[in-house]
Amino acid sequence: MIWSRYNILFEREGIYLFYNSLSNAFAELSKETFYLLADCKAGEIFSTEDETLMSNLKRMRAVVDDDVEEFLKVKYHVMTRRFDNHFLSLTINPTLGCNFACPYCFEGEHNNIFMTDEVEDGIIDFVKRKTDAKRIDVTWFGGEPLLAFQRIVSLTRKMQSLGLAYSAGMITNGYLLNESVISQLKLLDIKKIQITVDGLQEEHDKRRFLKGGYPTFERIVENIDLLNKLVPDIHVNIRVNIDNSNMDDFIYVFDFFYQKHYANINVTPAFVEDQAGDNSCAFNSREKFTFLVNLFRKHGMEFKNFYPSYKFSECSIRNSNVVVIGPKGEIYKCWNDVGKQDRIVGDIWGKVSNRRLLLQYLAGADPYDDMQCRECVLLPVCSGGCPYLRLMQQAKKTDRREVCPLMKLDVETHLWLHYLTKKHKK
């Protein structure tokens, strides 16, 4: 057997650690075992008379029969997911209109377009044509989807009647999440909701305000309180958009909601992306990494960024059964493209209007054809990163480093901080 190319060995502060991205295994080693393994090089024959050690190394896939075979296994699992048609994932935008005027958001560029009955019926016909699908997962998106709440109700009832397993989530600014809406969420099978709060009241109201400049913080918090009271089993993620102008406010937002002792609500940081190239406040990868490391070192917070959560998976837009539907029935492959005419790939009635872009999303910029990705120690848990960013990088519109996961910047520090988190919890 040979020493896997997907192994990482390192020492930090007298602690000896091992990680393997094939199995996502992470282990603390004795000093003797560490130095025994440290002499190994990827692809070289490995042997030891210690049967227990050898058994553990096999279990963690630290030693394998052949690296090429392991690479092909990873690729096979990913390809299987790409061509799995038993699920249908729809992001539905019942409107591109929004009641907010957030300066960093694309919504302000679009007209108040609302979905019609014709488009609603077209979506149902679209789902019916997906005859292999056994379940439907819907994300209500926009614009602000609650501006078209009755359309959500109507479409949901029709999809629930199709005899397929059905579940849904929603991304909303939370301003219209009143008691009437909340009382219907469980009937609509909405199991998770994302709401953005970009600071405490003063900072939030500078960044997320109604058209006309009116504040929104108090109303949103009241609605979150009510949501937690009436349907505590619905998972709510409070997203805090972070850039250089408000990065110090995250901890205050976290503490504000943490002190409320909500049943099923968490607060997470997200980073404002500079996709248009005109946001000087947006973080680059190194700044994102530094921000998350400081959250841990100063406040003991880990937001799953230090340790890979998934293996053998990639963004679902590589699958043909994963689409974003606009209010006119137009189809996109990625949320980033919504409202951009040149990024429409077709429509719900079967027309393909941009075959080149569609094929690029489905099969282009493939990490498994990319030599740097093929040789990367993190490939099994990264799968090449975001396909949208890979396409942008291929078109020379973004730096390759922005495509890779933050962990790639400093793998050992990520793993070390995860180790400290686990030790602290013990």
Protein backbone atom coordinates (compact mmCIF):
# COMPACT_ATOMS: atom_id res chain seq x y z
CA MET A 1 0.00 0.00 0.00
CA ILE A 2 1.11 3.60 -0.56
CA TRP A 3 0.99 6.81 1.44
CA SER A 4 -2.00 8.82 0.16
CA ARG A 5 -1.47 12.15 -1.59
CA TYR A 6 -4.47 13.42 0.40
CA ASN A 7 -2.67 13.32 3.77
CA ILE A 8 -1.58 16.33 5.81
CA LEU A 9 0.79 15.99 8.78
CA PHE A 10 1.85 18.91 10.95
CA GLU A 11 2.95 19.90 14.42
CA ARG A 12 1.74 22.96 16.32
CA GLU A 13 2.72 23.90 19.89
CA GLY A 14 3.92 20.38 20.64
CA ILE A 15 0.73 18.75 19.32
CA TYR A 16 1.06 16.30 16.42
CA LEU A 17 -1.87 16.14 14.02
CA PHE A 18 -2.99 14.20 10.97
CA TYR A 19 -5.71 14.97 8.42
CA ASN A 20 -6.90 13.07 5.33
CA SER A 21 -9.34 14.67 2.89
CA LEU A 22 -10.52 11.36 1.40
CA SER A 23 -12.06 10.21 4.67
CA ASN A 24 -12.25 13.68 6.28
CA ALA A 25 -10.45 12.05 9.22
CA PHE A 26 -8.60 14.15 11.78
CA ALA A 27 -6.44 12.62 14.52
CA GLU A 28 -3.95 13.56 17.20
CA LEU A 29 -0.79 11.44 17.05
CA SER A 30 1.92 10.50 19.45
CA LYS A 31 5.31 12.06 18.81
CA GLU A 32 6.74 8.67 17.82
CA THR A 33 3.95 7.95 15.33
CA PHE A 34 4.19 11.45 13.88
CA TYR A 35 7.88 11.10 13.08
CA LEU A 36 7.35 7.62 11.70
CA LEU A 37 4.75 8.96 9.30
CA ALA A 38 6.58 12.22 8.60
CA ASP A 39 9.22 10.32 6.65
CA CYS A 40 6.56 9.12 4.20
CA LYS A 41 6.08 10.78 0.83
CA ALA A 42 2.96 10.66 -1.33
CA GLY A 43 2.92 7.66 -3.62
CA GLU A 44 5.68 5.74 -1.83
CA ILE A 45 5.20 2.26 -0.42
CA PHE A 46 4.25 2.28 3.24
CA SER A 47 4.67 -0.60 5.66
CA THR A 48 4.84 -1.10 9.41
CA GLU A 49 4.86 -4.06 11.76
CA ASP A 50 2.42 -2.24 14.05
CA GLU A 51 -0.84 -3.93 13.02
CA THR A 52 -3.04 -1.56 15.04
CA LEU A 53 -1.43 1.49 13.43
CA MET A 54 -1.75 -0.05 9.98
CA SER A 55 -5.42 -0.86 10.59
CA ASN A 56 -6.14 2.72 11.69
CA LEU A 57 -4.29 4.18 8.71
CA LYS A 58 -6.32 2.01 6.33
CA ARG A 59 -9.55 3.03 8.06
CA MET A 60 -8.65 6.71 7.70
CA ARG A 61 -7.53 6.06 4.09
CA ALA A 62 -4.09 7.39 4.90
CA VAL A 63 -2.69 4.38 3.06
CA VAL A 64 -4.35 3.26 -0.16
CA ASP A 65 -3.73 0.85 -2.99
CA ASP A 66 -3.42 3.51 -5.65
CA ASP A 67 -3.80 7.31 -5.72
CA VAL A 68 -5.21 7.32 -9.26
CA GLU A 69 -7.89 4.85 -8.19
CA GLU A 70 -8.81 7.07 -5.23
CA PHE A 71 -9.04 10.11 -7.49
CA LEU A 72 -11.36 8.22 -9.83
CA LYS A 73 -13.55 7.16 -6.90
CA VAL A 74 -13.93 10.79 -5.87
CA LYS A 75 -14.74 11.81 -9.44
CA TYR A 76 -17.24 8.96 -9.80
CA HIS A 77 -19.16 9.98 -6.66
CA VAL A 78 -19.33 13.58 -7.87
CA MET A 79 -20.45 12.55 -11.36
CA THR A 80 -23.14 10.33 -9.85
CA ARG A 81 -24.59 13.35 -8.08
CA ARG A 82 -24.38 15.45 -11.23
CA PHE A 83 -26.59 13.00 -13.10
CA ASP A 84 -29.00 12.12 -10.29
CA ASN A 85 -32.45 13.09 -11.54
CA HIS A 86 -34.41 11.76 -8.57
CA PHE A 87 -34.61 15.19 -6.98
CA LEU A 88 -35.70 18.55 -8.35
CA SER A 89 -34.27 21.70 -6.77
CA LEU A 90 -36.02 24.93 -7.71
CA THR A 91 -35.14 28.43 -6.64
CA ILE A 92 -38.27 30.39 -7.49
CA ASN A 93 -38.38 34.19 -7.74
CA PRO A 94 -42.08 35.15 -7.68
CA THR A 95 -40.93 38.75 -8.10
CA LEU A 96 -37.74 40.70 -8.66
CA GLY A 97 -39.29 43.66 -6.86
CA CYS A 98 -38.07 44.58 -3.39
CA ASN A 99 -39.27 46.93 -0.69
CA PHE A 100 -35.67 47.59 0.39
CA ALA A 101 -32.98 49.70 -1.27
CA CYS A 102 -29.77 48.12 0.09
CA PRO A 103 -26.80 49.74 -1.66
CA TYR A 104 -24.82 46.50 -2.09
CA CYS A 105 -27.67 44.43 -3.54
CA PHE A 106 -28.51 43.74 -7.18
CA GLU A 107 -32.27 44.06 -6.58
CA GLY A 108 -32.32 47.82 -7.07
CA GLU A 109 -31.33 47.36 -10.71
CA HIS A 110 -34.55 45.53 -11.63
CA ASN A 111 -38.14 46.49 -12.21
CA ASN A 112 -41.03 45.34 -10.04
CA ILE A 113 -41.83 42.28 -12.14
CA PHE A 114 -44.36 39.85 -10.64
CA MET A 115 -45.16 36.31 -11.69
CA THR A 116 -48.39 35.73 -13.62
CA ASP A 117 -50.87 32.84 -13.56
CA GLU A 118 -49.47 31.68 -16.91
CA VAL A 119 -45.98 31.37 -15.45
CA GLU A 120 -47.34 29.61 -12.37
CA ASP A 121 -49.05 27.00 -14.54
CA GLY A 122 -45.88 26.71 -16.61
CA ILE A 123 -43.86 25.88 -13.52
CA ILE A 124 -46.26 23.08 -12.61
CA ASP A 125 -46.02 21.67 -16.16
CA PHE A 126 -42.22 21.96 -15.93
CA VAL A 127 -42.23 19.87 -12.75
CA LYS A 128 -44.56 17.27 -14.28
CA ARG A 129 -42.14 16.78 -17.18
CA LYS A 130 -39.42 15.78 -14.72
CA THR A 131 -40.78 12.25 -14.53
CA ASP A 132 -37.78 10.75 -12.71
CA ALA A 133 -38.05 13.17 -9.80
CA LYS A 134 -39.20 11.77 -6.46
CA ARG A 135 -38.96 14.95 -4.43
CA ILE A 136 -39.02 18.72 -4.85
CA ASP A 137 -36.94 21.16 -2.81
CA VAL A 138 -37.92 24.81 -3.28
CA THR A 139 -36.19 27.98 -2.15
CA TRP A 140 -38.30 31.14 -2.36
CA PHE A 141 -36.05 33.97 -3.45
CA GLY A 142 -36.30 37.39 -5.08
CA GLY A 143 -36.41 40.40 -4.96
CA GLU A 144 -38.35 40.09 -1.77
CA PRO A 145 -40.49 36.95 -2.09
CA LEU A 146 -43.02 38.03 0.55
CA LEU A 147 -44.15 40.84 -1.76
CA ALA A 148 -45.72 38.00 -3.74
CA PHE A 149 -46.82 35.85 -0.81
CA GLN A 150 -50.14 34.81 -2.35
CA ARG A 151 -48.25 33.50 -5.38
CA ILE A 152 -46.12 31.44 -3.01
CA VAL A 153 -49.25 30.03 -1.40
CA SER A 154 -50.88 29.18 -4.72
CA LEU A 155 -47.77 27.58 -6.25
CA THR A 156 -47.05 25.60 -3.09
CA ARG A 157 -50.52 24.08 -2.98
CA LYS A 158 -50.23 22.96 -6.58
CA MET A 159 -46.79 21.43 -6.05
CA GLN A 160 -47.92 19.69 -2.86
CA SER A 161 -50.71 18.04 -4.86
CA LEU A 162 -48.31 16.40 -7.34
CA GLY A 163 -47.64 13.39 -5.11
CA LEU A 164 -43.91 14.08 -4.67
CA ALA A 165 -42.06 14.63 -1.41
CA TYR A 166 -41.95 18.38 -0.90
CA SER A 167 -40.01 20.80 1.30
CA ALA A 168 -39.16 24.48 1.10
CA GLY A 169 -37.10 27.30 2.51
CA MET A 170 -37.14 31.06 2.06
CA ILE A 171 -34.67 33.93 1.83
CA THR A 172 -36.35 37.12 2.97
CA ASN A 173 -35.47 40.49 4.43
CA GLY A 174 -37.99 39.70 7.18
CA TYR A 175 -39.84 43.00 7.08
CA LEU A 176 -43.15 41.50 5.88
CA LEU A 177 -42.93 38.40 8.06
CA ASN A 178 -46.06 39.28 10.03
CA GLU A 179 -48.40 37.06 12.07
CA SER A 180 -50.61 36.24 9.08
CA VAL A 181 -47.63 35.02 7.06
CA ILE A 182 -46.04 33.16 9.96
CA SER A 183 -49.28 31.29 10.69
CA GLN A 184 -49.15 29.72 7.20
CA LEU A 185 -45.48 28.71 7.08
CA LYS A 186 -45.93 25.15 8.35
CA LEU A 187 -48.79 24.53 5.92
CA LEU A 188 -46.44 25.67 3.17
CA ASP A 189 -43.79 23.17 4.35
CA ILE A 190 -41.30 25.99 4.85
CA LYS A 191 -38.75 24.49 7.21
CA LYS A 192 -35.97 27.06 7.11
CA ILE A 193 -35.74 30.81 6.65
CA GLN A 194 -32.80 33.14 6.14
CA ILE A 195 -33.09 36.75 7.30
CA THR A 196 -30.37 39.40 6.99
CA VAL A 197 -29.50 41.76 9.84
CA ASP A 198 -26.39 43.80 9.11
CA GLY A 199 -25.68 45.31 12.51
CA LEU A 200 -27.45 46.69 15.51
CA GLN A 201 -30.09 49.30 14.88
CA GLU A 202 -27.97 52.28 13.83
CA GLU A 203 -25.66 50.36 11.49
CA HIS A 204 -28.36 48.08 10.09
CA ASP A 205 -30.63 50.99 9.23
CA LYS A 206 -27.78 52.62 7.30
CA ARG A 207 -27.36 49.52 5.13
CA ARG A 208 -30.79 47.89 4.95
CA PHE A 209 -33.52 50.46 4.64
CA LEU A 210 -36.87 50.73 2.89
CA LYS A 211 -37.20 52.56 -0.39
CA GLY A 212 -37.47 56.14 0.73
CA GLY A 213 -34.81 55.58 3.40
CA TYR A 214 -37.07 54.43 6.25
CA PRO A 215 -35.53 52.18 8.97
CA THR A 216 -36.22 48.44 9.22
CA PHE A 217 -34.35 47.06 12.24
CA GLU A 218 -37.07 47.25 14.90
CA ARG A 219 -39.71 45.73 12.64
CA ILE A 220 -37.46 42.84 11.62
CA VAL A 221 -36.53 42.02 15.22
CA GLU A 222 -40.19 42.09 16.26
CA ASN A 223 -40.98 39.68 13.43
CA ILE A 224 -38.14 37.33 14.42
CA ASP A 225 -39.41 37.36 18.00
CA LEU A 226 -42.89 36.46 16.77
CA LEU A 227 -41.55 33.78 14.44
CA ASN A 228 -39.66 32.14 17.27
CA LYS A 229 -42.74 32.29 19.51
CA LEU A 230 -45.28 30.89 17.02
CA VAL A 231 -43.19 28.32 15.07
CA PRO A 232 -40.05 27.56 17.11
CA ASP A 233 -39.34 24.40 15.10
CA ILE A 234 -38.66 26.36 11.89
CA HIS A 235 -34.92 26.89 11.61
CA VAL A 236 -33.93 30.54 11.16
CA ASN A 237 -30.51 31.68 10.04
CA ILE A 238 -29.79 35.33 10.75
CA ARG A 239 -27.21 36.31 8.16
CA VAL A 240 -24.92 39.25 8.82
CA ASN A 241 -23.34 40.60 5.64
CA ILE A 242 -19.76 41.58 6.40
CA ASP A 243 -17.41 43.95 4.65
CA ASN A 244 -14.72 46.40 5.74
CA SER A 245 -17.30 48.98 6.77
CA ASN A 246 -19.12 46.90 9.41
CA MET A 247 -16.90 43.96 10.31
CA ASP A 248 -16.64 45.01 13.97
CA ASP A 249 -20.43 44.90 14.39
CA PHE A 250 -20.88 41.15 13.90
CA ILE A 251 -20.12 40.25 17.51
CA TYR A 252 -22.66 42.80 18.75
CA VAL A 253 -25.37 41.34 16.51
CA PHE A 254 -24.46 37.85 17.66
CA ASP A 255 -24.67 38.82 21.34
CA PHE A 256 -27.93 40.70 20.81
CA PHE A 257 -29.71 37.63 19.45
CA TYR A 258 -27.87 35.13 21.63
CA GLN A 259 -29.20 36.86 24.74
CA LYS A 260 -32.74 36.28 23.53
CA HIS A 261 -32.30 32.51 23.94
CA TYR A 262 -34.21 31.64 20.78
CA ALA A 263 -35.15 27.98 20.29
CA ASN A 264 -33.93 27.36 16.74
CA ILE A 265 -32.14 30.44 15.49
CA ASN A 266 -28.48 30.94 14.73
CA VAL A 267 -26.43 33.95 13.64
CA THR A 268 -23.74 33.55 10.98
CA PRO A 269 -21.38 35.89 9.13
CA ALA A 270 -21.45 36.15 5.34
CA PHE A 271 -19.24 38.20 3.10
CA VAL A 272 -20.40 40.83 0.64
CA GLU A 273 -18.99 39.76 -2.73
CA ASP A 274 -17.49 42.19 -5.24
CA GLN A 275 -18.86 40.52 -8.35
CA ALA A 276 -19.12 43.74 -10.34
CA GLY A 277 -15.64 44.87 -9.37
CA ASP A 278 -16.80 48.20 -7.93
CA ASN A 279 -17.15 47.50 -4.19
CA SER A 280 -14.00 48.74 -2.49
CA CYS A 281 -15.31 47.56 0.91
CA ALA A 282 -15.61 43.89 -0.05
CA PHE A 283 -13.17 41.44 1.56
CA ASN A 284 -10.66 39.45 -0.44
CA SER A 285 -9.93 35.86 0.57
CA ARG A 286 -7.13 36.75 2.96
CA GLU A 287 -9.31 39.32 4.74
CA LYS A 288 -12.14 36.78 5.07
CA PHE A 289 -9.72 34.27 6.55
CA THR A 290 -8.31 36.85 8.99
CA PHE A 291 -11.82 37.90 10.06
CA LEU A 292 -12.84 34.32 10.89
CA VAL A 293 -9.58 33.57 12.68
CA ASN A 294 -10.01 36.69 14.82
CA LEU A 295 -13.57 35.67 15.68
CA PHE A 296 -12.18 32.45 17.08
CA ARG A 297 -9.15 33.89 18.84
CA LYS A 298 -10.98 36.83 20.42
CA HIS A 299 -14.42 35.31 21.03
CA GLY A 300 -14.05 31.51 20.73
CA MET A 301 -16.41 31.32 17.74
CA GLU A 302 -16.16 28.76 14.96
CA PHE A 303 -18.56 28.92 12.02
CA LYS A 304 -17.82 25.55 10.34
CA ASN A 305 -15.24 27.31 8.18
CA PHE A 306 -12.24 25.75 9.89
CA TYR A 307 -13.15 22.18 9.02
CA PRO A 308 -14.62 20.70 5.83
CA SER A 309 -18.25 19.70 6.26
CA TYR A 310 -18.83 17.67 3.12
CA LYS A 311 -16.96 15.24 0.94
CA PHE A 312 -17.44 14.14 -2.66
CA SER A 313 -19.90 16.95 -3.30
CA GLU A 314 -20.00 20.17 -5.27
CA CYS A 315 -22.43 22.98 -6.02
CA SER A 316 -25.71 21.45 -7.15
CA ILE A 317 -26.00 23.75 -10.19
CA ARG A 318 -23.92 21.16 -12.07
CA ASN A 319 -27.11 19.04 -12.07
CA SER A 320 -29.64 19.68 -14.85
CA ASN A 321 -32.51 19.30 -12.35
CA VAL A 322 -31.33 22.31 -10.36
CA VAL A 323 -32.58 25.61 -11.78
CA VAL A 324 -33.44 29.16 -10.82
CA ILE A 325 -36.79 30.37 -12.17
CA GLY A 326 -37.50 34.05 -12.67
CA PRO A 327 -40.92 35.73 -12.52
CA LYS A 328 -41.33 35.63 -16.33
CA GLY A 329 -40.58 31.91 -16.43
CA GLU A 330 -36.98 32.47 -17.49
CA ILE A 331 -34.40 29.99 -16.24
CA TYR A 332 -30.97 30.70 -14.81
CA LYS A 333 -28.46 28.26 -13.39
CA CYS A 334 -27.13 30.41 -10.55
CA TRP A 335 -28.55 32.91 -8.05
CA ASN A 336 -25.81 35.34 -9.07
CA ASP A 337 -27.35 35.59 -12.54
CA VAL A 338 -30.93 36.49 -11.60
CA GLY A 339 -32.26 39.49 -13.53
CA LYS A 340 -29.38 39.55 -16.03
CA GLN A 341 -30.71 39.06 -19.54
CA ASP A 342 -27.45 37.70 -20.91
CA ARG A 343 -27.37 34.99 -18.21
CA ILE A 344 -30.76 33.45 -19.03
CA VAL A 345 -30.24 29.88 -20.31
CA GLY A 346 -33.84 29.07 -21.28
CA ASP A 347 -37.38 29.00 -19.96
CA ILE A 348 -39.84 26.69 -18.21
CA TRP A 349 -41.62 25.90 -21.49
CA GLY A 350 -38.58 24.06 -22.84
CA LYS A 351 -36.76 26.71 -24.85
CA VAL A 352 -32.95 26.78 -24.56
CA SER A 353 -31.79 30.32 -25.32
CA ASN A 354 -28.13 30.18 -24.28
CA ARG A 355 -26.85 26.66 -24.80
CA ARG A 356 -23.22 27.70 -24.44
CA LEU A 357 -23.74 29.16 -20.97
CA LEU A 358 -25.90 26.22 -19.92
CA LEU A 359 -23.20 23.74 -20.94
CA GLN A 360 -20.54 25.81 -19.22
CA TYR A 361 -22.45 25.51 -15.94
CA LEU A 362 -23.16 21.82 -16.40
CA ALA A 363 -19.79 20.66 -17.68
CA GLY A 364 -17.40 23.59 -18.17
CA ALA A 365 -14.48 24.73 -16.02
CA ASP A 366 -14.45 21.20 -14.58
CA PRO A 367 -12.05 20.81 -11.63
CA TYR A 368 -11.49 17.18 -12.56
CA ASP A 369 -9.91 18.34 -15.83
CA ASP A 370 -7.87 21.01 -14.03
CA MET A 371 -4.35 19.81 -13.22
CA GLN A 372 -3.96 22.14 -10.23
CA CYS A 373 -7.20 20.79 -8.77
CA ARG A 374 -6.33 17.18 -9.55
CA GLU A 375 -3.10 17.51 -7.59
CA CYS A 376 -4.59 19.48 -4.69
CA VAL A 377 -4.67 17.78 -1.30
CA LEU A 378 -8.13 19.26 -0.62
CA LEU A 379 -9.87 18.12 -3.83
CA PRO A 380 -12.06 15.44 -2.18
CA VAL A 381 -13.62 17.99 0.20
CA CYS A 382 -13.53 20.99 -2.13
CA SER A 383 -14.55 19.60 -5.53
CA GLY A 384 -13.12 22.66 -7.23
CA GLY A 385 -15.02 25.35 -5.39
CA CYS A 386 -17.84 27.50 -6.76
CA PRO A 387 -18.66 26.76 -10.46
CA TYR A 388 -19.75 30.37 -10.98
CA LEU A 389 -16.40 31.68 -9.76
CA ARG A 390 -14.58 29.03 -11.79
CA LEU A 391 -16.31 30.30 -14.93
CA MET A 392 -15.43 33.87 -13.96
CA GLN A 393 -11.83 32.86 -13.43
CA GLN A 394 -11.77 31.05 -16.76
CA ALA A 395 -12.95 34.30 -18.37
CA LYS A 396 -10.18 36.13 -16.42
CA LYS A 397 -12.73 38.14 -14.43
CA THR A 398 -11.58 36.93 -11.03
CA ASP A 399 -8.41 35.72 -9.37
CA ARG A 400 -7.96 31.96 -9.12
CA ARG A 401 -7.32 32.32 -5.40
CA GLU A 402 -10.87 33.63 -4.94
CA VAL A 403 -12.21 30.34 -6.36
CA CYS A 404 -10.48 28.11 -3.82
CA PRO A 405 -11.94 27.60 -0.32
CA LEU A 406 -10.56 29.80 2.44
CA MET A 407 -8.99 26.71 3.98
CA LYS A 408 -6.57 26.55 1.04
CA LEU A 409 -4.90 29.78 2.24
CA ASP A 410 -3.60 28.08 5.38
CA VAL A 411 -4.73 24.49 5.82
CA GLU A 412 -2.74 23.86 8.96
CA THR A 413 -4.09 26.92 10.80
CA HIS A 414 -7.67 25.97 9.91
CA LEU A 415 -7.16 22.46 11.28
CA TRP A 416 -5.33 23.76 14.33
CA LEU A 417 -8.15 26.13 15.25
CA HIS A 418 -10.66 23.33 14.76
CA TYR A 419 -8.55 21.17 17.08
CA LEU A 420 -8.56 23.92 19.74
CA THR A 421 -12.35 24.19 19.41
CA LYS A 422 -12.78 20.47 20.02
CA LYS A 423 -10.43 20.50 22.97
CA HIS A 424 -12.26 23.47 24.48
CA LYS A 425 -15.63 21.72 24.16
CA LYS A 426 -14.27 18.71 26.06
